[in-house]
Amino acid sequence: MMRTTQISWAAIIIILTLISLCGLILNSAYSYGILLLGVIALLLTCQITLRIDGNWIRFTMGIGLIRGKYAIGNIENCRVVRCFPIGCGVRFGNGPALYNVANCRAVELRWRGNKRTVRLGTNEPYAFVRCFYELKRKKRRRVVII
């Protein structure tokens, strides 16, 4: 039903600049290790794609090694939040898990019956939340009581 892709141009430029500087400055085996780590970081966290389709919210980061899918029926609340801008990637801690690649806006998903919370970064958080609640409302209408 809806698909958004957020690309982290700042991370791409910074990582490519660091890779090229390491290649010029360090002319040894260490430079190849740094080059490899930079390329892996770039491939894993350069973009995030969110999709809502039917019964699922799905996300993939980078080339798709980091991904997840959540059933819409199990999610109690979906809202727009602002995150502290500390780079891109995946962050876990005392608060909610955060999957983000750029800017400070994200969609927070809260599950029914437990305290699990996930935040997914997106460029279009308000449209994403609106689509989520439209799908939830359509699902409630389909329930037939006999």
C-alpha atoms as a PDB file:
ATOM      1  CA  MET A   1       0.000   0.000   0.000  1.00  0.00           C
ATOM      2  CA  MET A   2       2.796   2.436   0.892  1.00  0.00           C
ATOM      3  CA  ARG A   3       6.556   2.404   0.474  1.00  0.00           C
ATOM      4  CA  THR A   4       9.097   5.018   1.566  1.00  0.00           C
ATOM      5  CA  THR A   5      12.855   5.008   1.102  1.00  0.00           C
ATOM      6  CA  GLN A   6      15.225   7.225   3.045  1.00  0.00           C
ATOM      7  CA  ILE A   7      18.806   7.576   1.775  1.00  0.00           C
ATOM      8  CA  SER A   8      21.633   8.849   3.958  1.00  0.00           C
ATOM      9  CA  TRP A   9      23.629  11.026   1.582  1.00  0.00           C
ATOM     10  CA  ALA A  10      25.684  12.466   4.448  1.00  0.00           C
ATOM     11  CA  ALA A  11      26.807   8.989   5.572  1.00  0.00           C
ATOM     12  CA  ILE A  12      27.642   8.023   1.990  1.00  0.00           C
ATOM     13  CA  ILE A  13      29.793  11.134   1.485  1.00  0.00           C
ATOM     14  CA  ILE A  14      31.538  10.836   4.872  1.00  0.00           C
ATOM     15  CA  ILE A  15      32.327   7.125   4.505  1.00  0.00           C
ATOM     16  CA  LEU A  16      33.564   7.516   0.918  1.00  0.00           C
ATOM     17  CA  THR A  17      35.765  10.455   1.995  1.00  0.00           C
ATOM     18  CA  LEU A  18      37.228   8.446   4.897  1.00  0.00           C
ATOM     19  CA  ILE A  19      37.831   5.459   2.628  1.00  0.00           C
ATOM     20  CA  SER A  20      39.677   7.602   0.087  1.00  0.00           C
ATOM     21  CA  LEU A  21      41.736   9.373   2.780  1.00  0.00           C
ATOM     22  CA  CYS A  22      42.744   6.056   4.349  1.00  0.00           C
ATOM     23  CA  GLY A  23      43.765   4.790   0.939  1.00  0.00           C
ATOM     24  CA  LEU A  24      45.972   7.838   0.385  1.00  0.00           C
ATOM     25  CA  ILE A  25      47.484   8.164   3.866  1.00  0.00           C
ATOM     26  CA  LEU A  26      47.872   4.553   4.961  1.00  0.00           C
ATOM     27  CA  ASN A  27      49.621   2.478   2.366  1.00  0.00           C
ATOM     28  CA  SER A  28      49.620  -0.800   4.252  1.00  0.00           C
ATOM     29  CA  ALA A  29      47.485  -3.780   5.204  1.00  0.00           C
ATOM     30  CA  TYR A  30      45.607  -1.626   7.738  1.00  0.00           C
ATOM     31  CA  SER A  31      44.243   0.561   4.965  1.00  0.00           C
ATOM     32  CA  TYR A  32      42.637  -2.481   3.321  1.00  0.00           C
ATOM     33  CA  GLY A  33      40.956  -3.420   6.605  1.00  0.00           C
ATOM     34  CA  ILE A  34      39.626   0.105   7.057  1.00  0.00           C
ATOM     35  CA  LEU A  35      38.503   0.127   3.435  1.00  0.00           C
ATOM     36  CA  LEU A  36      36.637  -3.149   3.928  1.00  0.00           C
ATOM     37  CA  LEU A  37      34.940  -1.946   7.150  1.00  0.00           C
ATOM     38  CA  GLY A  38      33.894   1.285   5.458  1.00  0.00           C
ATOM     39  CA  VAL A  39      32.377  -0.526   2.489  1.00  0.00           C
ATOM     40  CA  ILE A  40      30.489  -2.939   4.795  1.00  0.00           C
ATOM     41  CA  ALA A  41      29.155  -0.032   6.907  1.00  0.00           C
ATOM     42  CA  LEU A  42      28.068   1.762   3.751  1.00  0.00           C
ATOM     43  CA  LEU A  43      26.289  -1.287   2.342  1.00  0.00           C
ATOM     44  CA  LEU A  44      24.468  -2.014   5.617  1.00  0.00           C
ATOM     45  CA  THR A  45      23.305   1.498   6.527  1.00  0.00           C
ATOM     46  CA  CYS A  46      23.076   3.676   3.414  1.00  0.00           C
ATOM     47  CA  GLN A  47      19.262   3.526   3.183  1.00  0.00           C
ATOM     48  CA  ILE A  48      16.118   2.289   4.895  1.00  0.00           C
ATOM     49  CA  THR A  49      12.938   1.242   3.110  1.00  0.00           C
ATOM     50  CA  LEU A  50       9.602   0.969   4.953  1.00  0.00           C
ATOM     51  CA  ARG A  51       6.579  -0.781   3.462  1.00  0.00           C
ATOM     52  CA  ILE A  52       3.024  -1.304   4.629  1.00  0.00           C
ATOM     53  CA  ASP A  53       1.296  -4.024   2.661  1.00  0.00           C
ATOM     54  CA  GLY A  54      -1.861  -5.732   3.790  1.00  0.00           C
ATOM     55  CA  ASN A  55      -1.102  -7.250   7.185  1.00  0.00           C
ATOM     56  CA  TRP A  56       2.560  -6.298   7.651  1.00  0.00           C
ATOM     57  CA  ILE A  57       4.933  -3.419   8.245  1.00  0.00           C
ATOM     58  CA  ARG A  58       8.293  -4.374   6.756  1.00  0.00           C
ATOM     59  CA  PHE A  59      11.637  -2.597   6.740  1.00  0.00           C
ATOM     60  CA  THR A  60      15.009  -3.285   5.154  1.00  0.00           C
ATOM     61  CA  MET A  61      18.266  -1.412   5.668  1.00  0.00           C
ATOM     62  CA  GLY A  62      20.985  -1.127   3.062  1.00  0.00           C
ATOM     63  CA  ILE A  63      21.293  -4.245   0.930  1.00  0.00           C
ATOM     64  CA  GLY A  64      18.752  -6.113   3.054  1.00  0.00           C
ATOM     65  CA  LEU A  65      20.796  -7.963   5.669  1.00  0.00           C
ATOM     66  CA  ILE A  66      19.146  -5.903   8.412  1.00  0.00           C
ATOM     67  CA  ARG A  67      15.382  -6.285   8.118  1.00  0.00           C
ATOM     68  CA  GLY A  68      12.228  -6.898  10.053  1.00  0.00           C
ATOM     69  CA  LYS A  69       8.513  -7.388   9.703  1.00  0.00           C
ATOM     70  CA  TYR A  70       5.751  -6.686  12.156  1.00  0.00           C
ATOM     71  CA  ALA A  71       2.090  -7.741  12.062  1.00  0.00           C
ATOM     72  CA  ILE A  72      -0.216  -4.718  11.961  1.00  0.00           C
ATOM     73  CA  GLY A  73      -2.780  -6.506  14.137  1.00  0.00           C
ATOM     74  CA  ASN A  74      -0.316  -6.788  17.036  1.00  0.00           C
ATOM     75  CA  ILE A  75       0.620  -3.111  17.041  1.00  0.00           C
ATOM     76  CA  GLU A  76      -1.376  -0.989  19.466  1.00  0.00           C
ATOM     77  CA  ASN A  77      -0.015   2.464  18.701  1.00  0.00           C
ATOM     78  CA  CYS A  78       1.855   4.154  15.852  1.00  0.00           C
ATOM     79  CA  ARG A  79       3.023   7.751  16.196  1.00  0.00           C
ATOM     80  CA  VAL A  80       5.558  10.247  14.871  1.00  0.00           C
ATOM     81  CA  VAL A  81       8.529  10.973  17.158  1.00  0.00           C
ATOM     82  CA  ARG A  82      11.724  13.001  16.999  1.00  0.00           C
ATOM     83  CA  CYS A  83      14.985  11.185  17.684  1.00  0.00           C
ATOM     84  CA  PHE A  84      18.296  12.632  18.773  1.00  0.00           C
ATOM     85  CA  PRO A  85      20.463  12.766  15.628  1.00  0.00           C
ATOM     86  CA  ILE A  86      23.450  10.545  16.414  1.00  0.00           C
ATOM     87  CA  GLY A  87      24.441   9.105  13.081  1.00  0.00           C
ATOM     88  CA  CYS A  88      22.877   6.308  11.157  1.00  0.00           C
ATOM     89  CA  GLY A  89      22.367   2.615  11.742  1.00  0.00           C
ATOM     90  CA  VAL A  90      20.799   0.447  14.409  1.00  0.00           C
ATOM     91  CA  ARG A  91      20.755   1.503  18.055  1.00  0.00           C
ATOM     92  CA  PHE A  92      19.659  -0.521  21.060  1.00  0.00           C
ATOM     93  CA  GLY A  93      19.646   0.635  24.643  1.00  0.00           C
ATOM     94  CA  ASN A  94      17.364   1.261  27.588  1.00  0.00           C
ATOM     95  CA  GLY A  95      14.782   2.888  25.328  1.00  0.00           C
ATOM     96  CA  PRO A  96      13.251   1.672  22.094  1.00  0.00           C
ATOM     97  CA  ALA A  97      15.257   0.055  19.318  1.00  0.00           C
ATOM     98  CA  LEU A  98      15.980   2.619  16.582  1.00  0.00           C
ATOM     99  CA  TYR A  99      16.585   1.871  12.903  1.00  0.00           C
ATOM    100  CA  ASN A 100      17.471   5.159  11.216  1.00  0.00           C
ATOM    101  CA  VAL A 101      19.745   6.481   8.480  1.00  0.00           C
ATOM    102  CA  ALA A 102      19.053  10.228   8.286  1.00  0.00           C
ATOM    103  CA  ASN A 103      17.178  13.107   9.939  1.00  0.00           C
ATOM    104  CA  CYS A 104      15.454  13.121  13.311  1.00  0.00           C
ATOM    105  CA  ARG A 105      11.948  11.956  12.399  1.00  0.00           C
ATOM    106  CA  ALA A 106      10.805   8.405  12.965  1.00  0.00           C
ATOM    107  CA  VAL A 107       7.684   6.301  13.385  1.00  0.00           C
ATOM    108  CA  GLU A 108       7.324   4.644  16.791  1.00  0.00           C
ATOM    109  CA  LEU A 109       5.508   1.297  16.934  1.00  0.00           C
ATOM    110  CA  ARG A 110       4.233   0.091  20.313  1.00  0.00           C
ATOM    111  CA  TRP A 111       2.926  -3.447  20.777  1.00  0.00           C
ATOM    112  CA  ARG A 112      -0.196  -4.521  22.574  1.00  0.00           C
ATOM    113  CA  GLY A 113       0.312  -6.172  25.965  1.00  0.00           C
ATOM    114  CA  ASN A 114       4.033  -5.530  26.445  1.00  0.00           C
ATOM    115  CA  LYS A 115       6.483  -2.681  26.622  1.00  0.00           C
ATOM    116  CA  ARG A 116       8.272  -3.437  23.350  1.00  0.00           C
ATOM    117  CA  THR A 117       8.811  -0.353  21.199  1.00  0.00           C
ATOM    118  CA  VAL A 118      10.581   0.103  17.857  1.00  0.00           C
ATOM    119  CA  ARG A 119      11.368   3.324  16.003  1.00  0.00           C
ATOM    120  CA  LEU A 120      11.803   3.311  12.223  1.00  0.00           C
ATOM    121  CA  GLY A 121      13.270   6.362  10.484  1.00  0.00           C
ATOM    122  CA  THR A 122      11.428   7.769   7.501  1.00  0.00           C
ATOM    123  CA  ASN A 123      11.130  10.945   5.427  1.00  0.00           C
ATOM    124  CA  GLU A 124       7.335  10.728   5.405  1.00  0.00           C
ATOM    125  CA  PRO A 125       6.304   9.863   8.975  1.00  0.00           C
ATOM    126  CA  TYR A 126       2.874  11.519   8.909  1.00  0.00           C
ATOM    127  CA  ALA A 127       1.837   9.778   5.681  1.00  0.00           C
ATOM    128  CA  PHE A 128       3.101   6.477   7.107  1.00  0.00           C
ATOM    129  CA  VAL A 129       1.071   6.850  10.327  1.00  0.00           C
ATOM    130  CA  ARG A 130      -2.027   7.856   8.338  1.00  0.00           C
ATOM    131  CA  CYS A 131      -1.668   4.767   6.107  1.00  0.00           C
ATOM    132  CA  PHE A 132      -1.206   2.549   9.187  1.00  0.00           C
ATOM    133  CA  TYR A 133      -4.426   3.764  10.826  1.00  0.00           C
ATOM    134  CA  GLU A 134      -6.363   3.498   7.552  1.00  0.00           C
ATOM    135  CA  LEU A 135      -5.336  -0.159   7.289  1.00  0.00           C
ATOM    136  CA  LYS A 136      -6.282  -0.800  10.944  1.00  0.00           C
ATOM    137  CA  ARG A 137      -9.683   0.808  10.383  1.00  0.00           C
ATOM    138  CA  LYS A 138     -10.304  -1.321   7.260  1.00  0.00           C
ATOM    139  CA  LYS A 139      -9.412  -4.485   9.171  1.00  0.00           C
ATOM    140  CA  ARG A 140     -11.942  -3.641  11.907  1.00  0.00           C
ATOM    141  CA  ARG A 141     -14.666  -3.157   9.323  1.00  0.00           C
ATOM    142  CA  ARG A 142     -14.058  -6.634   7.890  1.00  0.00           C
ATOM    143  CA  VAL A 143     -14.971  -8.326  11.164  1.00  0.00           C
ATOM    144  CA  VAL A 144     -18.349  -9.994  10.727  1.00  0.00           C
ATOM    145  CA  ILE A 145     -20.375 -10.947  13.797  1.00  0.00           C
ATOM    146  CA  ILE A 146     -22.691 -13.912  13.283  1.00  0.00           C
END
